[in-house]
PDB file of N, CA and C in Angstrom:
ATOM      1  N   UNK A   1     -22.067 -31.118   3.496  1.00  0.00           N
ATOM      2  CA  UNK A   1     -21.283 -29.894   3.409  1.00  0.00           C
ATOM      3  C   UNK A   1     -22.184 -28.759   2.912  1.00  0.00           C
ATOM      4  N   UNK A   2     -22.060 -27.583   3.528  1.00  0.00           N
ATOM      5  CA  UNK A   2     -22.895 -26.457   3.133  1.00  0.00           C
ATOM      6  C   UNK A   2     -22.313 -25.750   1.919  1.00  0.00           C
ATOM      7  N   UNK A   3     -23.185 -25.088   1.205  1.00  0.00           N
ATOM      8  CA  UNK A   3     -22.760 -24.347   0.022  1.00  0.00           C
ATOM      9  C   UNK A   3     -22.036 -23.066   0.450  1.00  0.00           C
ATOM     10  N   UNK A   4     -20.939 -22.766  -0.227  1.00  0.00           N
ATOM     11  CA  UNK A   4     -20.155 -21.562   0.087  1.00  0.00           C
ATOM     12  C   UNK A   4     -20.908 -20.315  -0.380  1.00  0.00           C
ATOM     13  N   UNK A   5     -20.966 -19.313   0.489  1.00  0.00           N
ATOM     14  CA  UNK A   5     -21.640 -18.059   0.178  1.00  0.00           C
ATOM     15  C   UNK A   5     -20.582 -16.982  -0.072  1.00  0.00           C
ATOM     16  N   UNK A   6     -20.502 -16.508  -1.299  1.00  0.00           N
ATOM     17  CA  UNK A   6     -19.535 -15.472  -1.674  1.00  0.00           C
ATOM     18  C   UNK A   6     -20.177 -14.095  -1.586  1.00  0.00           C
ATOM     19  N   UNK A   7     -19.471 -13.155  -1.002  1.00  0.00           N
ATOM     20  CA  UNK A   7     -19.910 -11.764  -1.042  1.00  0.00           C
ATOM     21  C   UNK A   7     -19.577 -11.165  -2.402  1.00  0.00           C
ATOM     22  N   UNK A   8     -18.426 -11.530  -2.930  1.00  0.00           N
ATOM     23  CA  UNK A   8     -18.078 -11.247  -4.319  1.00  0.00           C
ATOM     24  C   UNK A   8     -16.947 -12.169  -4.726  1.00  0.00           C
ATOM     25  N   UNK A   9     -16.808 -12.367  -6.026  1.00  0.00           N
ATOM     26  CA  UNK A   9     -15.755 -13.211  -6.593  1.00  0.00           C
ATOM     27  C   UNK A   9     -15.472 -12.655  -7.981  1.00  0.00           C
ATOM     28  N   UNK A  10     -14.630 -11.618  -8.029  1.00  0.00           N
ATOM     29  CA  UNK A  10     -14.361 -10.908  -9.276  1.00  0.00           C
ATOM     30  C   UNK A  10     -12.918 -11.117  -9.713  1.00  0.00           C
ATOM     31  N   UNK A  11     -12.707 -11.031 -11.010  1.00  0.00           N
ATOM     32  CA  UNK A  11     -11.359 -11.020 -11.578  1.00  0.00           C
ATOM     33  C   UNK A  11     -11.192  -9.692 -12.279  1.00  0.00           C
ATOM     34  N   UNK A  12     -10.061  -9.039 -12.034  1.00  0.00           N
ATOM     35  CA  UNK A  12      -9.850  -7.705 -12.587  1.00  0.00           C
ATOM     36  C   UNK A  12      -8.409  -7.556 -13.060  1.00  0.00           C
ATOM     37  N   UNK A  13      -8.234  -6.840 -14.152  1.00  0.00           N
ATOM     38  CA  UNK A  13      -6.892  -6.520 -14.639  1.00  0.00           C
ATOM     39  C   UNK A  13      -6.269  -5.483 -13.711  1.00  0.00           C
ATOM     40  N   UNK A  14      -4.996  -5.669 -13.379  1.00  0.00           N
ATOM     41  CA  UNK A  14      -4.301  -4.704 -12.540  1.00  0.00           C
ATOM     42  C   UNK A  14      -2.975  -4.312 -13.181  1.00  0.00           C
ATOM     43  N   UNK A  15      -2.472  -3.181 -12.762  1.00  0.00           N
ATOM     44  CA  UNK A  15      -1.127  -2.751 -13.106  1.00  0.00           C
ATOM     45  C   UNK A  15      -0.339  -2.844 -11.810  1.00  0.00           C
ATOM     46  N   UNK A  16       0.758  -3.574 -11.815  1.00  0.00           N
ATOM     47  CA  UNK A  16       1.531  -3.773 -10.598  1.00  0.00           C
ATOM     48  C   UNK A  16       2.941  -3.249 -10.809  1.00  0.00           C
ATOM     49  N   UNK A  17       3.408  -2.481  -9.829  1.00  0.00           N
ATOM     50  CA  UNK A  17       4.774  -1.963  -9.845  1.00  0.00           C
ATOM     51  C   UNK A  17       5.507  -2.543  -8.641  1.00  0.00           C
ATOM     52  N   UNK A  18       6.654  -3.154  -8.894  1.00  0.00           N
ATOM     53  CA  UNK A  18       7.509  -3.650  -7.831  1.00  0.00           C
ATOM     54  C   UNK A  18       8.676  -2.680  -7.709  1.00  0.00           C
ATOM     55  N   UNK A  19       8.925  -2.219  -6.501  1.00  0.00           N
ATOM     56  CA  UNK A  19       9.991  -1.234  -6.302  1.00  0.00           C
ATOM     57  C   UNK A  19      10.689  -1.517  -4.973  1.00  0.00           C
ATOM     58  N   UNK A  20      12.001  -1.325  -4.990  1.00  0.00           N
ATOM     59  CA  UNK A  20      12.797  -1.495  -3.777  1.00  0.00           C
ATOM     60  C   UNK A  20      13.713  -0.285  -3.670  1.00  0.00           C
ATOM     61  N   UNK A  21      13.774   0.296  -2.474  1.00  0.00           N
ATOM     62  CA  UNK A  21      14.694   1.413  -2.272  1.00  0.00           C
ATOM     63  C   UNK A  21      15.162   1.432  -0.822  1.00  0.00           C
ATOM     64  N   UNK A  22      16.294   2.051  -0.621  1.00  0.00           N
ATOM     65  CA  UNK A  22      16.861   2.172   0.720  1.00  0.00           C
ATOM     66  C   UNK A  22      16.493   3.518   1.301  1.00  0.00           C
ATOM     67  N   UNK A  23      15.948   3.474   2.500  1.00  0.00           N
ATOM     68  CA  UNK A  23      15.723   4.683   3.272  1.00  0.00           C
ATOM     69  C   UNK A  23      16.959   4.934   4.119  1.00  0.00           C
ATOM     70  N   UNK A  24      16.855   5.886   5.008  1.00  0.00           N
ATOM     71  CA  UNK A  24      17.986   6.204   5.891  1.00  0.00           C
ATOM     72  C   UNK A  24      18.310   5.038   6.833  1.00  0.00           C
ATOM     73  N   UNK A  25      17.264   4.321   7.298  1.00  0.00           N
ATOM     74  CA  UNK A  25      17.474   3.258   8.277  1.00  0.00           C
ATOM     75  C   UNK A  25      16.980   1.884   7.849  1.00  0.00           C
ATOM     76  N   UNK A  26      16.215   1.816   6.774  1.00  0.00           N
ATOM     77  CA  UNK A  26      15.680   0.517   6.377  1.00  0.00           C
ATOM     78  C   UNK A  26      15.449   0.443   4.882  1.00  0.00           C
ATOM     79  N   UNK A  27      15.348  -0.782   4.405  1.00  0.00           N
ATOM     80  CA  UNK A  27      15.061  -1.064   3.007  1.00  0.00           C
ATOM     81  C   UNK A  27      13.550  -1.237   2.862  1.00  0.00           C
ATOM     82  N   UNK A  28      13.009  -0.701   1.774  1.00  0.00           N
ATOM     83  CA  UNK A  28      11.591  -0.861   1.471  1.00  0.00           C
ATOM     84  C   UNK A  28      11.462  -1.714   0.207  1.00  0.00           C
ATOM     85  N   UNK A  29      10.746  -2.812   0.308  1.00  0.00           N
ATOM     86  CA  UNK A  29      10.427  -3.667  -0.834  1.00  0.00           C
ATOM     87  C   UNK A  29       8.915  -3.651  -0.969  1.00  0.00           C
ATOM     88  N   UNK A  30       8.433  -3.017  -2.023  1.00  0.00           N
ATOM     89  CA  UNK A  30       7.001  -2.771  -2.166  1.00  0.00           C
ATOM     90  C   UNK A  30       6.449  -3.357  -3.456  1.00  0.00           C
ATOM     91  N   UNK A  31       5.200  -3.735  -3.404  1.00  0.00           N
ATOM     92  CA  UNK A  31       4.404  -4.028  -4.590  1.00  0.00           C
ATOM     93  C   UNK A  31       3.236  -3.050  -4.533  1.00  0.00           C
ATOM     94  N   UNK A  32       3.045  -2.294  -5.607  1.00  0.00           N
ATOM     95  CA  UNK A  32       1.974  -1.303  -5.655  1.00  0.00           C
ATOM     96  C   UNK A  32       1.024  -1.720  -6.772  1.00  0.00           C
ATOM     97  N   UNK A  33      -0.222  -2.040  -6.401  1.00  0.00           N
ATOM     98  CA  UNK A  33      -1.216  -2.509  -7.357  1.00  0.00           C
ATOM     99  C   UNK A  33      -2.227  -1.408  -7.629  1.00  0.00           C
ATOM    100  N   UNK A  34      -2.447  -1.171  -8.904  1.00  0.00           N
ATOM    101  CA  UNK A  34      -3.433  -0.190  -9.331  1.00  0.00           C
ATOM    102  C   UNK A  34      -4.562  -0.928 -10.043  1.00  0.00           C
ATOM    103  N   UNK A  35      -5.794  -0.615  -9.670  1.00  0.00           N
ATOM    104  CA  UNK A  35      -6.963  -1.183 -10.337  1.00  0.00           C
ATOM    105  C   UNK A  35      -8.123  -0.210 -10.153  1.00  0.00           C
ATOM    106  N   UNK A  36      -9.261  -0.565 -10.697  1.00  0.00           N
ATOM    107  CA  UNK A  36     -10.455   0.259 -10.521  1.00  0.00           C
ATOM    108  C   UNK A  36     -11.211  -0.130  -9.248  1.00  0.00           C
ATOM    109  N   UNK A  37     -10.749  -1.129  -8.560  1.00  0.00           N
ATOM    110  CA  UNK A  37     -11.454  -1.708  -7.428  1.00  0.00           C
ATOM    111  C   UNK A  37     -11.621  -0.749  -6.247  1.00  0.00           C
ATOM    112  N   UNK A  38     -10.602   0.032  -5.943  1.00  0.00           N
ATOM    113  CA  UNK A  38     -10.609   0.843  -4.726  1.00  0.00           C
ATOM    114  C   UNK A  38     -10.751   2.329  -4.998  1.00  0.00           C
ATOM    115  N   UNK A  39     -11.569   2.687  -5.956  1.00  0.00           N
ATOM    116  CA  UNK A  39     -11.933   4.085  -6.227  1.00  0.00           C
ATOM    117  C   UNK A  39     -10.721   4.978  -6.448  1.00  0.00           C
ATOM    118  N   UNK A  40      -9.766   4.497  -7.235  1.00  0.00           N
ATOM    119  CA  UNK A  40      -8.596   5.301  -7.566  1.00  0.00           C
ATOM    120  C   UNK A  40      -7.451   5.187  -6.586  1.00  0.00           C
ATOM    121  N   UNK A  41      -7.642   4.443  -5.512  1.00  0.00           N
ATOM    122  CA  UNK A  41      -6.558   4.247  -4.552  1.00  0.00           C
ATOM    123  C   UNK A  41      -5.723   3.047  -4.978  1.00  0.00           C
ATOM    124  N   UNK A  42      -4.497   2.980  -4.461  1.00  0.00           N
ATOM    125  CA  UNK A  42      -3.594   1.874  -4.772  1.00  0.00           C
ATOM    126  C   UNK A  42      -3.465   0.956  -3.569  1.00  0.00           C
ATOM    127  N   UNK A  43      -3.253  -0.320  -3.821  1.00  0.00           N
ATOM    128  CA  UNK A  43      -2.949  -1.251  -2.751  1.00  0.00           C
ATOM    129  C   UNK A  43      -1.427  -1.318  -2.656  1.00  0.00           C
ATOM    130  N   UNK A  44      -0.896  -0.910  -1.526  1.00  0.00           N
ATOM    131  CA  UNK A  44       0.549  -0.891  -1.309  1.00  0.00           C
ATOM    132  C   UNK A  44       0.888  -2.026  -0.359  1.00  0.00           C
ATOM    133  N   UNK A  45       1.742  -2.933  -0.835  1.00  0.00           N
ATOM    134  CA  UNK A  45       2.135  -4.080  -0.026  1.00  0.00           C
ATOM    135  C   UNK A  45       3.616  -3.987   0.315  1.00  0.00           C
ATOM    136  N   UNK A  46       3.904  -4.076   1.596  1.00  0.00           N
ATOM    137  CA  UNK A  46       5.276  -4.123   2.092  1.00  0.00           C
ATOM    138  C   UNK A  46       5.663  -5.596   2.150  1.00  0.00           C
ATOM    139  N   UNK A  47       6.454  -6.034   1.204  1.00  0.00           N
ATOM    140  CA  UNK A  47       6.770  -7.454   1.074  1.00  0.00           C
ATOM    141  C   UNK A  47       7.600  -7.947   2.259  1.00  0.00           C
ATOM    142  N   UNK A  48       8.575  -7.177   2.705  1.00  0.00           N
ATOM    143  CA  UNK A  48       9.426  -7.593   3.824  1.00  0.00           C
ATOM    144  C   UNK A  48       8.657  -7.605   5.141  1.00  0.00           C
ATOM    145  N   UNK A  49       7.786  -6.625   5.328  1.00  0.00           N
ATOM    146  CA  UNK A  49       7.066  -6.499   6.594  1.00  0.00           C
ATOM    147  C   UNK A  49       5.740  -7.225   6.645  1.00  0.00           C
ATOM    148  N   UNK A  50       5.335  -7.835   5.520  1.00  0.00           N
ATOM    149  CA  UNK A  50       4.067  -8.567   5.446  1.00  0.00           C
ATOM    150  C   UNK A  50       2.876  -7.709   5.865  1.00  0.00           C
ATOM    151  N   UNK A  51       2.840  -6.479   5.389  1.00  0.00           N
ATOM    152  CA  UNK A  51       1.732  -5.563   5.687  1.00  0.00           C
ATOM    153  C   UNK A  51       1.268  -4.935   4.379  1.00  0.00           C
ATOM    154  N   UNK A  52       0.014  -4.514   4.363  1.00  0.00           N
ATOM    155  CA  UNK A  52      -0.498  -3.804   3.197  1.00  0.00           C
ATOM    156  C   UNK A  52      -1.549  -2.801   3.624  1.00  0.00           C
ATOM    157  N   UNK A  53      -1.778  -1.834   2.732  1.00  0.00           N
ATOM    158  CA  UNK A  53      -2.812  -0.827   2.975  1.00  0.00           C
ATOM    159  C   UNK A  53      -3.311  -0.327   1.629  1.00  0.00           C
ATOM    160  N   UNK A  54      -4.550   0.105   1.618  1.00  0.00           N
ATOM    161  CA  UNK A  54      -5.134   0.753   0.442  1.00  0.00           C
ATOM    162  C   UNK A  54      -4.954   2.246   0.654  1.00  0.00           C
ATOM    163  N   UNK A  55      -4.201   2.868  -0.255  1.00  0.00           N
ATOM    164  CA  UNK A  55      -3.746   4.239  -0.020  1.00  0.00           C
ATOM    165  C   UNK A  55      -4.064   5.144  -1.196  1.00  0.00           C
ATOM    166  N   UNK A  56      -4.606   6.301  -0.875  1.00  0.00           N
ATOM    167  CA  UNK A  56      -4.816   7.377  -1.831  1.00  0.00           C
ATOM    168  C   UNK A  56      -4.188   8.647  -1.283  1.00  0.00           C
ATOM    169  N   UNK A  57      -4.318   9.718  -2.037  1.00  0.00           N
ATOM    170  CA  UNK A  57      -3.735  10.993  -1.600  1.00  0.00           C
ATOM    171  C   UNK A  57      -4.244  11.410  -0.227  1.00  0.00           C
ATOM    172  N   UNK A  58      -5.528  11.207   0.025  1.00  0.00           N
ATOM    173  CA  UNK A  58      -6.099  11.606   1.319  1.00  0.00           C
ATOM    174  C   UNK A  58      -5.478  10.829   2.474  1.00  0.00           C
ATOM    175  N   UNK A  59      -5.140   9.568   2.242  1.00  0.00           N
ATOM    176  CA  UNK A  59      -4.525   8.757   3.288  1.00  0.00           C
ATOM    177  C   UNK A  59      -3.101   9.217   3.594  1.00  0.00           C
ATOM    178  N   UNK A  60      -2.399   9.675   2.573  1.00  0.00           N
ATOM    179  CA  UNK A  60      -1.035  10.165   2.782  1.00  0.00           C
ATOM    180  C   UNK A  60      -1.027  11.429   3.627  1.00  0.00           C
ATOM    181  N   UNK A  61      -2.107  12.194   3.564  1.00  0.00           N
ATOM    182  CA  UNK A  61      -2.209  13.430   4.349  1.00  0.00           C
ATOM    183  C   UNK A  61      -2.694  13.187   5.781  1.00  0.00           C
ATOM    184  N   UNK A  62      -3.213  11.990   6.038  1.00  0.00           N
ATOM    185  CA  UNK A  62      -3.753  11.700   7.364  1.00  0.00           C
ATOM    186  C   UNK A  62      -2.615  11.395   8.343  1.00  0.00           C
ATOM    187  N   UNK A  63      -2.540  12.163   9.388  1.00  0.00           N
ATOM    188  CA  UNK A  63      -1.464  12.027  10.373  1.00  0.00           C
ATOM    189  C   UNK A  63      -1.476  10.650  11.029  1.00  0.00           C
ATOM    190  N   UNK A  64      -0.324   9.992  11.019  1.00  0.00           N
ATOM    191  CA  UNK A  64      -0.166   8.706  11.678  1.00  0.00           C
ATOM    192  C   UNK A  64      -0.636   7.497  10.894  1.00  0.00           C
ATOM    193  N   UNK A  65      -1.232   7.701   9.724  1.00  0.00           N
ATOM    194  CA  UNK A  65      -1.792   6.582   8.966  1.00  0.00           C
ATOM    195  C   UNK A  65      -0.712   5.618   8.483  1.00  0.00           C
ATOM    196  N   UNK A  66       0.331   6.135   7.866  1.00  0.00           N
ATOM    197  CA  UNK A  66       1.404   5.286   7.339  1.00  0.00           C
ATOM    198  C   UNK A  66       2.136   4.589   8.491  1.00  0.00           C
ATOM    199  N   UNK A  67       2.369   5.323   9.580  1.00  0.00           N
ATOM    200  CA  UNK A  67       3.024   4.727  10.749  1.00  0.00           C
ATOM    201  C   UNK A  67       2.230   3.529  11.255  1.00  0.00           C
ATOM    202  N   UNK A  68       0.927   3.700  11.363  1.00  0.00           N
ATOM    203  CA  UNK A  68       0.059   2.642  11.870  1.00  0.00           C
ATOM    204  C   UNK A  68      -0.059   1.477  10.887  1.00  0.00           C
ATOM    205  N   UNK A  69      -0.325   1.779   9.631  1.00  0.00           N
ATOM    206  CA  UNK A  69      -0.581   0.736   8.629  1.00  0.00           C
ATOM    207  C   UNK A  69       0.626  -0.171   8.431  1.00  0.00           C
ATOM    208  N   UNK A  70       1.822   0.407   8.455  1.00  0.00           N
ATOM    209  CA  UNK A  70       3.025  -0.367   8.171  1.00  0.00           C
ATOM    210  C   UNK A  70       3.905  -0.585   9.405  1.00  0.00           C
ATOM    211  N   UNK A  71       3.424  -0.175  10.576  1.00  0.00           N
ATOM    212  CA  UNK A  71       4.169  -0.333  11.830  1.00  0.00           C
ATOM    213  C   UNK A  71       5.583   0.243  11.700  1.00  0.00           C
ATOM    214  N   UNK A  72       5.652   1.521  11.324  1.00  0.00           N
ATOM    215  CA  UNK A  72       6.931   2.194  11.110  1.00  0.00           C
ATOM    216  C   UNK A  72       7.134   3.316  12.109  1.00  0.00           C
ATOM    217  N   UNK A  73       8.386   3.636  12.340  1.00  0.00           N
ATOM    218  CA  UNK A  73       8.707   4.817  13.135  1.00  0.00           C
ATOM    219  C   UNK A  73       8.312   6.054  12.347  1.00  0.00           C
ATOM    220  N   UNK A  74       8.245   7.173  13.015  1.00  0.00           N
ATOM    221  CA  UNK A  74       7.879   8.422  12.348  1.00  0.00           C
ATOM    222  C   UNK A  74       8.856   8.751  11.218  1.00  0.00           C
ATOM    223  N   UNK A  75      10.146   8.526  11.455  1.00  0.00           N
ATOM    224  CA  UNK A  75      11.165   8.833  10.438  1.00  0.00           C
ATOM    225  C   UNK A  75      11.037   7.894   9.230  1.00  0.00           C
ATOM    226  N   UNK A  76      10.899   6.596   9.461  1.00  0.00           N
ATOM    227  CA  UNK A  76      10.760   5.646   8.350  1.00  0.00           C
ATOM    228  C   UNK A  76       9.459   5.884   7.590  1.00  0.00           C
ATOM    229  N   UNK A  77       8.389   6.187   8.306  1.00  0.00           N
ATOM    230  CA  UNK A  77       7.110   6.480   7.659  1.00  0.00           C
ATOM    231  C   UNK A  77       7.208   7.730   6.808  1.00  0.00           C
ATOM    232  N   UNK A  78       7.980   8.706   7.254  1.00  0.00           N
ATOM    233  CA  UNK A  78       8.164   9.931   6.485  1.00  0.00           C
ATOM    234  C   UNK A  78       8.842   9.631   5.146  1.00  0.00           C
ATOM    235  N   UNK A  79       9.832   8.743   5.151  1.00  0.00           N
ATOM    236  CA  UNK A  79      10.508   8.364   3.901  1.00  0.00           C
ATOM    237  C   UNK A  79       9.558   7.622   2.973  1.00  0.00           C
ATOM    238  N   UNK A  80       8.770   6.712   3.520  1.00  0.00           N
ATOM    239  CA  UNK A  80       7.807   5.979   2.700  1.00  0.00           C
ATOM    240  C   UNK A  80       6.747   6.932   2.169  1.00  0.00           C
ATOM    241  N   UNK A  81       6.242   7.822   3.005  1.00  0.00           N
ATOM    242  CA  UNK A  81       5.227   8.790   2.589  1.00  0.00           C
ATOM    243  C   UNK A  81       5.752   9.675   1.453  1.00  0.00           C
ATOM    244  N   UNK A  82       7.001  10.115   1.575  1.00  0.00           N
ATOM    245  CA  UNK A  82       7.615  10.951   0.542  1.00  0.00           C
ATOM    246  C   UNK A  82       7.646  10.216  -0.794  1.00  0.00           C
ATOM    247  N   UNK A  83       8.034   8.942  -0.772  1.00  0.00           N
ATOM    248  CA  UNK A  83       8.047   8.146  -1.992  1.00  0.00           C
ATOM    249  C   UNK A  83       6.629   7.962  -2.544  1.00  0.00           C
ATOM    250  N   UNK A  84       5.695   7.601  -1.691  1.00  0.00           N
ATOM    251  CA  UNK A  84       4.328   7.348  -2.153  1.00  0.00           C
ATOM    252  C   UNK A  84       3.674   8.621  -2.691  1.00  0.00           C
ATOM    253  N   UNK A  85       4.032   9.774  -2.149  1.00  0.00           N
ATOM    254  CA  UNK A  85       3.522  11.036  -2.697  1.00  0.00           C
ATOM    255  C   UNK A  85       3.961  11.244  -4.133  1.00  0.00           C
ATOM    256  N   UNK A  86       5.090  10.673  -4.507  1.00  0.00           N
ATOM    257  CA  UNK A  86       5.583  10.791  -5.881  1.00  0.00           C
ATOM    258  C   UNK A  86       4.865   9.851  -6.850  1.00  0.00           C
ATOM    259  N   UNK A  87       4.405   8.699  -6.348  1.00  0.00           N
ATOM    260  CA  UNK A  87       3.855   7.690  -7.260  1.00  0.00           C
ATOM    261  C   UNK A  87       2.349   7.501  -7.168  1.00  0.00           C
ATOM    262  N   UNK A  88       1.721   7.950  -6.090  1.00  0.00           N
ATOM    263  CA  UNK A  88       0.265   7.779  -5.951  1.00  0.00           C
ATOM    264  C   UNK A  88      -0.391   9.135  -6.139  1.00  0.00           C
ATOM    265  N   UNK A  89      -0.930   9.333  -7.302  1.00  0.00           N
ATOM    266  CA  UNK A  89      -1.628  10.591  -7.626  1.00  0.00           C
ATOM    267  C   UNK A  89      -2.880  10.302  -8.426  1.00  0.00           C
TER     268      UNK A  89
END
């Protein structure tokens, strides 16, 4: 058996927020992880949709990013973006 080659293997303290809210057409169940790992960005995990993205303020301003990352309609992505603008700063 060959020796495993790790690119990195770190343990880091994180702050995690679990939040659930109803949008106009769908429920959002999220886990938002904050750490120093991603240069001030948060890891946002959509628990129901099994998707995640590393998101900062610049990503929220990028057109189509939330729609693509979470496979959401423009309207649902707008609701998620509005919420994330309140909590990711």
